[in-house]
PDB file of all heavy atoms in Angstrom:
ATOM      1  N   ALA A   1       0.832  -1.204   0.000  1.00  0.00           N
ATOM      2  CA  ALA A   1       0.000   0.000   0.000  1.00  0.00           C
ATOM      3  C   ALA A   1       0.866   1.254   0.000  1.00  0.00           C
ATOM      4  O   ALA A   1       0.547   2.250  -0.667  1.00  0.00           O
ATOM      5  CB  ALA A   1      -0.932  -0.007   1.213  1.00  0.00           C
ATOM      6  N   TRP A   2       1.989   1.211   0.748  1.00  0.00           N
ATOM      7  CA  TRP A   2       2.898   2.360   0.821  1.00  0.00           C
ATOM      8  C   TRP A   2       3.504   2.678  -0.543  1.00  0.00           C
ATOM      9  O   TRP A   2       3.532   3.825  -0.991  1.00  0.00           O
ATOM     10  CB  TRP A   2       3.989   2.069   1.844  1.00  0.00           C
ATOM     11  CG  TRP A   2       4.793   3.250   2.301  1.00  0.00           C
ATOM     12  CD1 TRP A   2       6.114   3.486   2.071  1.00  0.00           C
ATOM     13  CD2 TRP A   2       4.334   4.348   3.107  1.00  0.00           C
ATOM     14  NE1 TRP A   2       6.513   4.650   2.674  1.00  0.00           N
ATOM     15  CE2 TRP A   2       5.433   5.197   3.322  1.00  0.00           C
ATOM     16  CE3 TRP A   2       3.101   4.681   3.659  1.00  0.00           C
ATOM     17  CZ2 TRP A   2       5.338   6.370   4.073  1.00  0.00           C
ATOM     18  CZ3 TRP A   2       3.002   5.845   4.413  1.00  0.00           C
ATOM     19  CH2 TRP A   2       4.108   6.670   4.600  1.00  0.00           C
ATOM     20  N   PHE A   3       3.974   1.638  -1.240  1.00  0.00           N
ATOM     21  CA  PHE A   3       4.576   1.857  -2.549  1.00  0.00           C
ATOM     22  C   PHE A   3       3.524   2.222  -3.596  1.00  0.00           C
ATOM     23  O   PHE A   3       3.787   3.038  -4.491  1.00  0.00           O
ATOM     24  CB  PHE A   3       5.360   0.618  -2.980  1.00  0.00           C
ATOM     25  CG  PHE A   3       6.626   0.406  -2.197  1.00  0.00           C
ATOM     26  CD1 PHE A   3       7.130  -0.872  -2.005  1.00  0.00           C
ATOM     27  CD2 PHE A   3       7.317   1.474  -1.649  1.00  0.00           C
ATOM     28  CE1 PHE A   3       8.296  -1.073  -1.283  1.00  0.00           C
ATOM     29  CE2 PHE A   3       8.488   1.282  -0.912  1.00  0.00           C
ATOM     30  CZ  PHE A   3       8.975   0.011  -0.736  1.00  0.00           C
ATOM     31  N   ASP A   4       2.341   1.607  -3.506  1.00  0.00           N
ATOM     32  CA  ASP A   4       1.276   1.987  -4.443  1.00  0.00           C
ATOM     33  C   ASP A   4       0.968   3.485  -4.333  1.00  0.00           C
ATOM     34  O   ASP A   4       0.712   4.152  -5.341  1.00  0.00           O
ATOM     35  CB  ASP A   4       0.008   1.177  -4.172  1.00  0.00           C
ATOM     36  CG  ASP A   4       0.045  -0.213  -4.798  1.00  0.00           C
ATOM     37  OD1 ASP A   4       0.992  -0.507  -5.557  1.00  0.00           O
ATOM     38  OD2 ASP A   4      -0.885  -1.011  -4.523  1.00  0.00           O
ATOM     39  N   LYS A   5       0.978   3.988  -3.113  1.00  0.00           N
ATOM     40  CA  LYS A   5       0.684   5.407  -2.904  1.00  0.00           C
ATOM     41  C   LYS A   5       1.808   6.296  -3.427  1.00  0.00           C
ATOM     42  O   LYS A   5       1.568   7.245  -4.196  1.00  0.00           O
ATOM     43  CB  LYS A   5       0.456   5.662  -1.406  1.00  0.00           C
ATOM     44  CG  LYS A   5       0.396   7.141  -1.010  1.00  0.00           C
ATOM     45  CD  LYS A   5      -0.801   7.854  -1.604  1.00  0.00           C
ATOM     46  CE  LYS A   5      -0.830   9.325  -1.176  1.00  0.00           C
ATOM     47  NZ  LYS A   5      -1.984  10.033  -1.758  1.00  0.00           N
ATOM     48  N   TRP A   6       3.049   6.015  -3.004  1.00  0.00           N
ATOM     49  CA  TRP A   6       4.125   6.982  -3.232  1.00  0.00           C
ATOM     50  C   TRP A   6       4.936   6.713  -4.494  1.00  0.00           C
ATOM     51  O   TRP A   6       5.656   7.610  -4.958  1.00  0.00           O
ATOM     52  CB  TRP A   6       5.039   7.033  -2.013  1.00  0.00           C
ATOM     53  CG  TRP A   6       4.302   7.394  -0.760  1.00  0.00           C
ATOM     54  CD1 TRP A   6       4.083   6.601   0.322  1.00  0.00           C
ATOM     55  CD2 TRP A   6       3.650   8.638  -0.470  1.00  0.00           C
ATOM     56  NE1 TRP A   6       3.347   7.267   1.271  1.00  0.00           N
ATOM     57  CE2 TRP A   6       3.066   8.519   0.810  1.00  0.00           C
ATOM     58  CE3 TRP A   6       3.497   9.845  -1.162  1.00  0.00           C
ATOM     59  CZ2 TRP A   6       2.355   9.552   1.410  1.00  0.00           C
ATOM     60  CZ3 TRP A   6       2.782  10.871  -0.564  1.00  0.00           C
ATOM     61  CH2 TRP A   6       2.223  10.724   0.703  1.00  0.00           C
ATOM     62  N   LEU A   7       4.836   5.505  -5.061  1.00  0.00           N
ATOM     63  CA  LEU A   7       5.541   5.235  -6.319  1.00  0.00           C
ATOM     64  C   LEU A   7       4.596   5.218  -7.513  1.00  0.00           C
ATOM     65  O   LEU A   7       5.014   5.517  -8.636  1.00  0.00           O
ATOM     66  CB  LEU A   7       6.282   3.898  -6.247  1.00  0.00           C
ATOM     67  CG  LEU A   7       7.373   3.767  -5.179  1.00  0.00           C
ATOM     68  CD1 LEU A   7       8.082   2.423  -5.301  1.00  0.00           C
ATOM     69  CD2 LEU A   7       8.375   4.899  -5.269  1.00  0.00           C
ATOM     70  N   LYS A   8       3.335   4.855  -7.281  1.00  0.00           N
ATOM     71  CA  LYS A   8       2.370   4.813  -8.385  1.00  0.00           C
ATOM     72  C   LYS A   8       1.301   5.890  -8.307  1.00  0.00           C
ATOM     73  O   LYS A   8       0.521   6.060  -9.247  1.00  0.00           O
ATOM     74  CB  LYS A   8       1.698   3.430  -8.439  1.00  0.00           C
ATOM     75  CG  LYS A   8       2.618   2.321  -8.918  1.00  0.00           C
ATOM     76  CD  LYS A   8       1.835   1.037  -9.160  1.00  0.00           C
ATOM     77  CE  LYS A   8       2.709  -0.042  -9.791  1.00  0.00           C
ATOM     78  NZ  LYS A   8       1.936  -1.276 -10.081  1.00  0.00           N
ATOM     79  N   GLY A   9       1.232   6.587  -7.187  1.00  0.00           N
ATOM     80  CA  GLY A   9       0.265   7.670  -7.067  1.00  0.00           C
ATOM     81  C   GLY A   9      -1.160   7.211  -6.874  1.00  0.00           C
ATOM     82  O   GLY A   9      -2.103   7.968  -7.153  1.00  0.00           O
ATOM     83  N   ILE A  10      -1.372   5.986  -6.373  1.00  0.00           N
ATOM     84  CA  ILE A  10      -2.722   5.465  -6.161  1.00  0.00           C
ATOM     85  C   ILE A  10      -3.269   5.999  -4.841  1.00  0.00           C
ATOM     86  O   ILE A  10      -2.659   5.838  -3.784  1.00  0.00           O
ATOM     87  CB  ILE A  10      -2.702   3.924  -6.145  1.00  0.00           C
ATOM     88  CG1 ILE A  10      -2.204   3.385  -7.494  1.00  0.00           C
ATOM     89  CG2 ILE A  10      -4.086   3.368  -5.817  1.00  0.00           C
ATOM     90  CD1 ILE A  10      -1.936   1.894  -7.498  1.00  0.00           C
ATOM     91  N   ASP A  11      -4.413   6.611  -4.873  1.00  0.00           N
ATOM     92  CA  ASP A  11      -5.016   7.211  -3.678  1.00  0.00           C
ATOM     93  C   ASP A  11      -5.727   6.118  -2.878  1.00  0.00           C
ATOM     94  O   ASP A  11      -6.940   5.949  -2.954  1.00  0.00           O
ATOM     95  CB  ASP A  11      -6.001   8.310  -4.087  1.00  0.00           C
ATOM     96  CG  ASP A  11      -6.545   9.073  -2.878  1.00  0.00           C
ATOM     97  OD1 ASP A  11      -5.967   8.926  -1.782  1.00  0.00           O
ATOM     98  OD2 ASP A  11      -7.535   9.803  -3.039  1.00  0.00           O
ATOM     99  N   ASN A  12      -4.946   5.365  -2.089  1.00  0.00           N
ATOM    100  CA  ASN A  12      -5.504   4.215  -1.380  1.00  0.00           C
ATOM    101  C   ASN A  12      -5.708   4.452   0.116  1.00  0.00           C
ATOM    102  O   ASN A  12      -6.085   3.556   0.844  1.00  0.00           O
ATOM    103  CB  ASN A  12      -4.607   2.986  -1.586  1.00  0.00           C
ATOM    104  CG  ASN A  12      -3.175   3.230  -1.119  1.00  0.00           C
ATOM    105  OD1 ASN A  12      -2.885   4.211  -0.443  1.00  0.00           O
ATOM    106  ND2 ASN A  12      -2.277   2.326  -1.507  1.00  0.00           N
ATOM    107  N   GLY A  13      -5.409   5.650   0.616  1.00  0.00           N
ATOM    108  CA  GLY A  13      -5.676   5.984   2.007  1.00  0.00           C
ATOM    109  C   GLY A  13      -4.586   5.610   2.989  1.00  0.00           C
ATOM    110  O   GLY A  13      -4.736   5.857   4.188  1.00  0.00           O
ATOM    111  N   ILE A  14      -3.456   5.050   2.526  1.00  0.00           N
ATOM    112  CA  ILE A  14      -2.408   4.652   3.460  1.00  0.00           C
ATOM    113  C   ILE A  14      -1.835   5.859   4.193  1.00  0.00           C
ATOM    114  O   ILE A  14      -1.348   5.752   5.324  1.00  0.00           O
ATOM    115  CB  ILE A  14      -1.279   3.881   2.722  1.00  0.00           C
ATOM    116  CG1 ILE A  14      -0.268   3.295   3.716  1.00  0.00           C
ATOM    117  CG2 ILE A  14      -0.586   4.787   1.710  1.00  0.00           C
ATOM    118  CD1 ILE A  14      -0.797   2.228   4.602  1.00  0.00           C
ATOM    119  N   ASP A  15      -1.911   7.036   3.584  1.00  0.00           N
ATOM    120  CA  ASP A  15      -1.407   8.240   4.247  1.00  0.00           C
ATOM    121  C   ASP A  15      -2.314   8.678   5.385  1.00  0.00           C
ATOM    122  O   ASP A  15      -1.947   9.570   6.171  1.00  0.00           O
ATOM    123  CB  ASP A  15      -1.221   9.384   3.248  1.00  0.00           C
ATOM    124  CG  ASP A  15      -2.432   9.613   2.364  1.00  0.00           C
ATOM    125  OD1 ASP A  15      -3.156   8.642   2.058  1.00  0.00           O
ATOM    126  OD2 ASP A  15      -2.671  10.768   1.960  1.00  0.00           O
ATOM    127  N   ASN A  16      -3.489   8.060   5.500  1.00  0.00           N
ATOM    128  CA  ASN A  16      -4.380   8.342   6.630  1.00  0.00           C
ATOM    129  C   ASN A  16      -4.330   7.246   7.690  1.00  0.00           C
ATOM    130  O   ASN A  16      -5.084   7.279   8.657  1.00  0.00           O
ATOM    131  CB  ASN A  16      -5.822   8.501   6.134  1.00  0.00           C
ATOM    132  CG  ASN A  16      -5.995   9.731   5.280  1.00  0.00           C
ATOM    133  OD1 ASN A  16      -5.604  10.825   5.672  1.00  0.00           O
ATOM    134  ND2 ASN A  16      -6.538   9.558   4.080  1.00  0.00           N
ATOM    135  N   TYR A  17      -3.476   6.277   7.487  1.00  0.00           N
ATOM    136  CA  TYR A  17      -3.282   5.220   8.486  1.00  0.00           C
ATOM    137  C   TYR A  17      -2.448   5.793   9.628  1.00  0.00           C
ATOM    138  O   TYR A  17      -1.636   6.682   9.448  1.00  0.00           O
ATOM    139  CB  TYR A  17      -2.560   4.043   7.851  1.00  0.00           C
ATOM    140  CG  TYR A  17      -2.411   2.828   8.731  1.00  0.00           C
ATOM    141  CD1 TYR A  17      -3.514   2.095   9.136  1.00  0.00           C
ATOM    142  CD2 TYR A  17      -1.152   2.390   9.127  1.00  0.00           C
ATOM    143  CE1 TYR A  17      -3.371   0.963   9.924  1.00  0.00           C
ATOM    144  CE2 TYR A  17      -0.996   1.252   9.915  1.00  0.00           C
ATOM    145  CZ  TYR A  17      -2.113   0.546  10.311  1.00  0.00           C
ATOM    146  OH  TYR A  17      -1.973  -0.574  11.092  1.00  0.00           O
ATOM    147  N   GLY A  18      -2.658   5.264  10.833  1.00  0.00           N
ATOM    148  CA  GLY A  18      -1.849   5.715  11.981  1.00  0.00           C
ATOM    149  C   GLY A  18      -2.136   7.160  12.348  1.00  0.00           C
ATOM    150  O   GLY A  18      -3.262   7.519  12.644  1.00  0.00           O
ATOM    151  N   PRO A  19      -1.116   8.044  12.290  1.00  0.00           N
ATOM    152  CA  PRO A  19       0.238   7.822  11.785  1.00  0.00           C
ATOM    153  C   PRO A  19       1.132   7.014  12.733  1.00  0.00           C
ATOM    154  O   PRO A  19       2.159   6.513  12.323  1.00  0.00           O
ATOM    155  CB  PRO A  19       0.784   9.234  11.611  1.00  0.00           C
ATOM    156  CG  PRO A  19       0.056  10.029  12.657  1.00  0.00           C
ATOM    157  CD  PRO A  19      -1.319   9.453  12.730  1.00  0.00           C
ATOM    158  N   VAL A  20       0.729   6.908  14.014  1.00  0.00           N
ATOM    159  CA  VAL A  20       1.507   6.110  14.961  1.00  0.00           C
ATOM    160  C   VAL A  20       0.614   4.964  15.436  1.00  0.00           C
ATOM    161  O   VAL A  20      -0.435   5.191  16.046  1.00  0.00           O
ATOM    162  CB  VAL A  20       1.988   6.961  16.157  1.00  0.00           C
ATOM    163  CG1 VAL A  20       2.677   6.090  17.187  1.00  0.00           C
ATOM    164  CG2 VAL A  20       2.923   8.067  15.684  1.00  0.00           C
ATOM    165  N   THR A  21       1.026   3.740  15.112  1.00  0.00           N
ATOM    166  CA  THR A  21       0.247   2.554  15.444  1.00  0.00           C
ATOM    167  C   THR A  21       1.064   1.725  16.427  1.00  0.00           C
ATOM    168  O   THR A  21       2.176   1.311  16.111  1.00  0.00           O
ATOM    169  CB  THR A  21      -0.064   1.737  14.175  1.00  0.00           C
ATOM    170  OG1 THR A  21      -0.676   2.598  13.200  1.00  0.00           O
ATOM    171  CG2 THR A  21      -0.993   0.580  14.486  1.00  0.00           C
ATOM    172  N   LEU A  22       0.518   1.511  17.624  1.00  0.00           N
ATOM    173  CA  LEU A  22       1.291   0.931  18.716  1.00  0.00           C
ATOM    174  C   LEU A  22       0.571  -0.254  19.347  1.00  0.00           C
ATOM    175  O   LEU A  22      -0.650  -0.229  19.528  1.00  0.00           O
ATOM    176  CB  LEU A  22       1.535   1.970  19.824  1.00  0.00           C
ATOM    177  CG  LEU A  22       2.138   3.321  19.427  1.00  0.00           C
ATOM    178  CD1 LEU A  22       2.158   4.253  20.635  1.00  0.00           C
ATOM    179  CD2 LEU A  22       3.538   3.136  18.875  1.00  0.00           C
ATOM    180  N   ARG A  23       1.364  -1.250  19.692  1.00  0.00           N
ATOM    181  CA  ARG A  23       0.857  -2.345  20.526  1.00  0.00           C
ATOM    182  C   ARG A  23       1.238  -2.011  21.965  1.00  0.00           C
ATOM    183  O   ARG A  23       2.404  -2.010  22.337  1.00  0.00           O
ATOM    184  CB  ARG A  23       1.501  -3.657  20.105  1.00  0.00           C
ATOM    185  CG  ARG A  23       1.231  -4.831  21.046  1.00  0.00           C
ATOM    186  CD  ARG A  23      -0.242  -5.206  21.132  1.00  0.00           C
ATOM    187  NE  ARG A  23      -0.412  -6.636  21.399  1.00  0.00           N
ATOM    188  CZ  ARG A  23      -0.354  -7.198  22.605  1.00  0.00           C
ATOM    189  NH1 ARG A  23      -0.132  -6.439  23.663  1.00  0.00           N
ATOM    190  NH2 ARG A  23      -0.507  -8.498  22.735  1.00  0.00           N
ATOM    191  N   GLU A  24       0.240  -1.670  22.778  1.00  0.00           N
ATOM    192  CA  GLU A  24       0.516  -1.353  24.175  1.00  0.00           C
ATOM    193  C   GLU A  24       0.871  -2.642  24.920  1.00  0.00           C
ATOM    194  O   GLU A  24       0.113  -3.615  24.892  1.00  0.00           O
ATOM    195  CB  GLU A  24      -0.699  -0.695  24.827  1.00  0.00           C
ATOM    196  CG  GLU A  24      -1.007   0.677  24.267  1.00  0.00           C
ATOM    197  CD  GLU A  24      -2.093   1.379  25.063  1.00  0.00           C
ATOM    198  OE1 GLU A  24      -3.154   0.774  25.285  1.00  0.00           O
ATOM    199  OE2 GLU A  24      -1.871   2.531  25.464  1.00  0.00           O
ATOM    200  N   GLN A  25       2.021  -2.652  25.589  1.00  0.00           N
ATOM    201  CA  GLN A  25       2.356  -3.791  26.426  1.00  0.00           C
ATOM    202  C   GLN A  25       1.341  -3.851  27.576  1.00  0.00           C
ATOM    203  O   GLN A  25       1.099  -2.863  28.252  1.00  0.00           O
ATOM    204  CB  GLN A  25       3.768  -3.649  26.976  1.00  0.00           C
ATOM    205  CG  GLN A  25       4.836  -3.633  25.886  1.00  0.00           C
ATOM    206  CD  GLN A  25       6.235  -3.706  26.452  1.00  0.00           C
ATOM    207  OE1 GLN A  25       6.681  -4.753  26.908  1.00  0.00           O
ATOM    208  NE2 GLN A  25       6.941  -2.577  26.425  1.00  0.00           N
ATOM    209  N   GLY A  26       0.739  -5.007  27.747  1.00  0.00           N
ATOM    210  CA  GLY A  26      -0.313  -5.141  28.744  1.00  0.00           C
ATOM    211  C   GLY A  26      -1.676  -4.735  28.229  1.00  0.00           C
ATOM    212  O   GLY A  26      -2.661  -4.796  28.963  1.00  0.00           O
ATOM    213  N   GLY A  27      -1.752  -4.330  26.955  1.00  0.00           N
ATOM    214  CA  GLY A  27      -3.023  -3.910  26.363  1.00  0.00           C
ATOM    215  C   GLY A  27      -3.133  -4.388  24.932  1.00  0.00           C
ATOM    216  O   GLY A  27      -2.624  -5.452  24.570  1.00  0.00           O
ATOM    217  N   GLY A  28      -3.799  -3.600  24.092  1.00  0.00           N
ATOM    218  CA  GLY A  28      -3.998  -3.972  22.692  1.00  0.00           C
ATOM    219  C   GLY A  28      -3.383  -2.950  21.759  1.00  0.00           C
ATOM    220  O   GLY A  28      -2.586  -2.096  22.162  1.00  0.00           O
ATOM    221  N   TRP A  29      -3.776  -3.032  20.494  1.00  0.00           N
ATOM    222  CA  TRP A  29      -3.281  -2.109  19.477  1.00  0.00           C
ATOM    223  C   TRP A  29      -4.082  -0.806  19.500  1.00  0.00           C
ATOM    224  O   TRP A  29      -5.314  -0.825  19.655  1.00  0.00           O
ATOM    225  CB  TRP A  29      -3.384  -2.737  18.094  1.00  0.00           C
ATOM    226  CG  TRP A  29      -2.320  -3.745  17.817  1.00  0.00           C
ATOM    227  CD1 TRP A  29      -2.389  -5.094  18.024  1.00  0.00           C
ATOM    228  CD2 TRP A  29      -1.023  -3.488  17.282  1.00  0.00           C
ATOM    229  NE1 TRP A  29      -1.208  -5.696  17.652  1.00  0.00           N
ATOM    230  CE2 TRP A  29      -0.346  -4.732  17.187  1.00  0.00           C
ATOM    231  CE3 TRP A  29      -0.355  -2.331  16.866  1.00  0.00           C
ATOM    232  CZ2 TRP A  29       0.955  -4.848  16.699  1.00  0.00           C
ATOM    233  CZ3 TRP A  29       0.937  -2.442  16.377  1.00  0.00           C
ATOM    234  CH2 TRP A  29       1.581  -3.686  16.299  1.00  0.00           C
ATOM    235  N   ILE A  30      -3.386   0.302  19.334  1.00  0.00           N
ATOM    236  CA  ILE A  30      -4.029   1.612  19.286  1.00  0.00           C
ATOM    237  C   ILE A  30      -3.364   2.443  18.193  1.00  0.00           C
ATOM    238  O   ILE A  30      -2.269   2.132  17.722  1.00  0.00           O
ATOM    239  CB  ILE A  30      -3.916   2.364  20.626  1.00  0.00           C
ATOM    240  CG1 ILE A  30      -2.441   2.643  20.969  1.00  0.00           C
ATOM    241  CG2 ILE A  30      -4.588   1.593  21.748  1.00  0.00           C
ATOM    242  CD1 ILE A  30      -2.264   3.618  22.120  1.00  0.00           C
ATOM    243  N   THR A  31      -4.031   3.499  17.783  1.00  0.00           N
ATOM    244  CA  THR A  31      -3.410   4.502  16.926  1.00  0.00           C
ATOM    245  C   THR A  31      -3.364   5.829  17.672  1.00  0.00           C
ATOM    246  O   THR A  31      -4.256   6.143  18.469  1.00  0.00           O
ATOM    247  CB  THR A  31      -4.175   4.694  15.601  1.00  0.00           C
ATOM    248  OG1 THR A  31      -5.536   5.038  15.885  1.00  0.00           O
ATOM    249  CG2 THR A  31      -4.131   3.443  14.755  1.00  0.00           C
ATOM    250  N   GLN A  32      -2.285   6.575  17.424  1.00  0.00           N
ATOM    251  CA  GLN A  32      -2.100   7.884  18.042  1.00  0.00           C
ATOM    252  C   GLN A  32      -1.598   8.864  16.982  1.00  0.00           C
ATOM    253  O   GLN A  32      -1.169   8.478  15.905  1.00  0.00           O
ATOM    254  CB  GLN A  32      -1.063   7.819  19.174  1.00  0.00           C
ATOM    255  CG  GLN A  32      -1.471   6.962  20.351  1.00  0.00           C
ATOM    256  CD  GLN A  32      -0.461   7.012  21.490  1.00  0.00           C
ATOM    257  OE1 GLN A  32      -0.758   6.560  22.593  1.00  0.00           O
ATOM    258  NE2 GLN A  32       0.732   7.559  21.245  1.00  0.00           N
ATOM    259  N   ASP A  33      -1.632  10.140  17.336  1.00  0.00           N
ATOM    260  CA  ASP A  33      -1.120  11.169  16.440  1.00  0.00           C
ATOM    261  C   ASP A  33       0.365  11.421  16.634  1.00  0.00           C
ATOM    262  O   ASP A  33       0.983  12.165  15.873  1.00  0.00           O
ATOM    263  CB  ASP A  33      -1.893  12.480  16.638  1.00  0.00           C
ATOM    264  CG  ASP A  33      -3.327  12.376  16.144  1.00  0.00           C
ATOM    265  OD1 ASP A  33      -3.561  11.592  15.197  1.00  0.00           O
ATOM    266  OD2 ASP A  33      -4.205  13.054  16.699  1.00  0.00           O
ATOM    267  N   GLY A  34       0.969  10.816  17.668  1.00  0.00           N
ATOM    268  CA  GLY A  34       2.391  10.990  17.907  1.00  0.00           C
ATOM    269  C   GLY A  34       2.839  10.043  19.002  1.00  0.00           C
ATOM    270  O   GLY A  34       2.047   9.283  19.563  1.00  0.00           O
ATOM    271  N   PHE A  35       4.148  10.101  19.310  1.00  0.00           N
ATOM    272  CA  PHE A  35       4.691   9.284  20.393  1.00  0.00           C
ATOM    273  C   PHE A  35       5.840  10.035  21.039  1.00  0.00           C
ATOM    274  O   PHE A  35       6.704  10.598  20.349  1.00  0.00           O
ATOM    275  CB  PHE A  35       5.192   7.935  19.882  1.00  0.00           C
ATOM    276  CG  PHE A  35       5.869   7.109  20.948  1.00  0.00           C
ATOM    277  CD1 PHE A  35       5.117   6.504  21.941  1.00  0.00           C
ATOM    278  CD2 PHE A  35       7.247   6.982  20.981  1.00  0.00           C
ATOM    279  CE1 PHE A  35       5.731   5.766  22.940  1.00  0.00           C
ATOM    280  CE2 PHE A  35       7.873   6.241  21.974  1.00  0.00           C
ATOM    281  CZ  PHE A  35       7.105   5.637  22.960  1.00  0.00           C
ATOM    282  N   GLY A  36       5.859  10.030  22.378  1.00  0.00           N
ATOM    283  CA  GLY A  36       6.946  10.705  23.075  1.00  0.00           C
ATOM    284  C   GLY A  36       6.968  12.188  22.769  1.00  0.00           C
ATOM    285  O   GLY A  36       5.997  12.908  23.009  1.00  0.00           O
ATOM    286  N   ALA A  37       8.066  12.653  22.157  1.00  0.00           N
ATOM    287  CA  ALA A  37       8.246  14.077  21.906  1.00  0.00           C
ATOM    288  C   ALA A  37       7.230  14.638  20.924  1.00  0.00           C
ATOM    289  O   ALA A  37       6.965  15.850  20.922  1.00  0.00           O
ATOM    290  CB  ALA A  37       9.662  14.336  21.378  1.00  0.00           C
ATOM    291  N   THR A  38       6.640  13.789  20.072  1.00  0.00           N
ATOM    292  CA  THR A  38       5.686  14.295  19.083  1.00  0.00           C
ATOM    293  C   THR A  38       4.236  14.094  19.503  1.00  0.00           C
ATOM    294  O   THR A  38       3.329  14.415  18.741  1.00  0.00           O
ATOM    295  CB  THR A  38       5.908  13.606  17.723  1.00  0.00           C
ATOM    296  OG1 THR A  38       5.666  12.201  17.858  1.00  0.00           O
ATOM    297  CG2 THR A  38       7.315  13.851  17.214  1.00  0.00           C
ATOM    298  N   ALA A  39       3.985  13.556  20.691  1.00  0.00           N
ATOM    299  CA  ALA A  39       2.617  13.310  21.133  1.00  0.00           C
ATOM    300  C   ALA A  39       1.905  14.631  21.408  1.00  0.00           C
ATOM    301  O   ALA A  39       2.453  15.507  22.089  1.00  0.00           O
ATOM    302  CB  ALA A  39       2.607  12.442  22.382  1.00  0.00           C
ATOM    303  N   PRO A  40       0.698  14.807  20.886  1.00  0.00           N
ATOM    304  CA  PRO A  40      -0.061  16.012  21.210  1.00  0.00           C
ATOM    305  C   PRO A  40      -0.476  16.008  22.677  1.00  0.00           C
ATOM    306  O   PRO A  40      -0.379  14.985  23.365  1.00  0.00           O
ATOM    307  CB  PRO A  40      -1.272  15.928  20.275  1.00  0.00           C
ATOM    308  CG  PRO A  40      -1.427  14.470  19.974  1.00  0.00           C
ATOM    309  CD  PRO A  40      -0.044  13.905  19.983  1.00  0.00           C
ATOM    310  N   ALA A  41      -0.955  17.150  23.150  1.00  0.00           N
ATOM    311  CA  ALA A  41      -1.243  17.314  24.577  1.00  0.00           C
ATOM    312  C   ALA A  41      -2.207  16.256  25.106  1.00  0.00           C
ATOM    313  O   ALA A  41      -2.029  15.729  26.212  1.00  0.00           O
ATOM    314  CB  ALA A  41      -1.799  18.718  24.828  1.00  0.00           C
TER     315      ALA A  41
END
């Protein structure tokens, strides 16, 4: 999906994935807008 988007120009929505996708230890998978220094308030 990444290469289809950026090498072929296919609008497949991969740029709207995440952008930060994390497996929380002791929990499940989540998405966030950042991590650590880039995490929003």
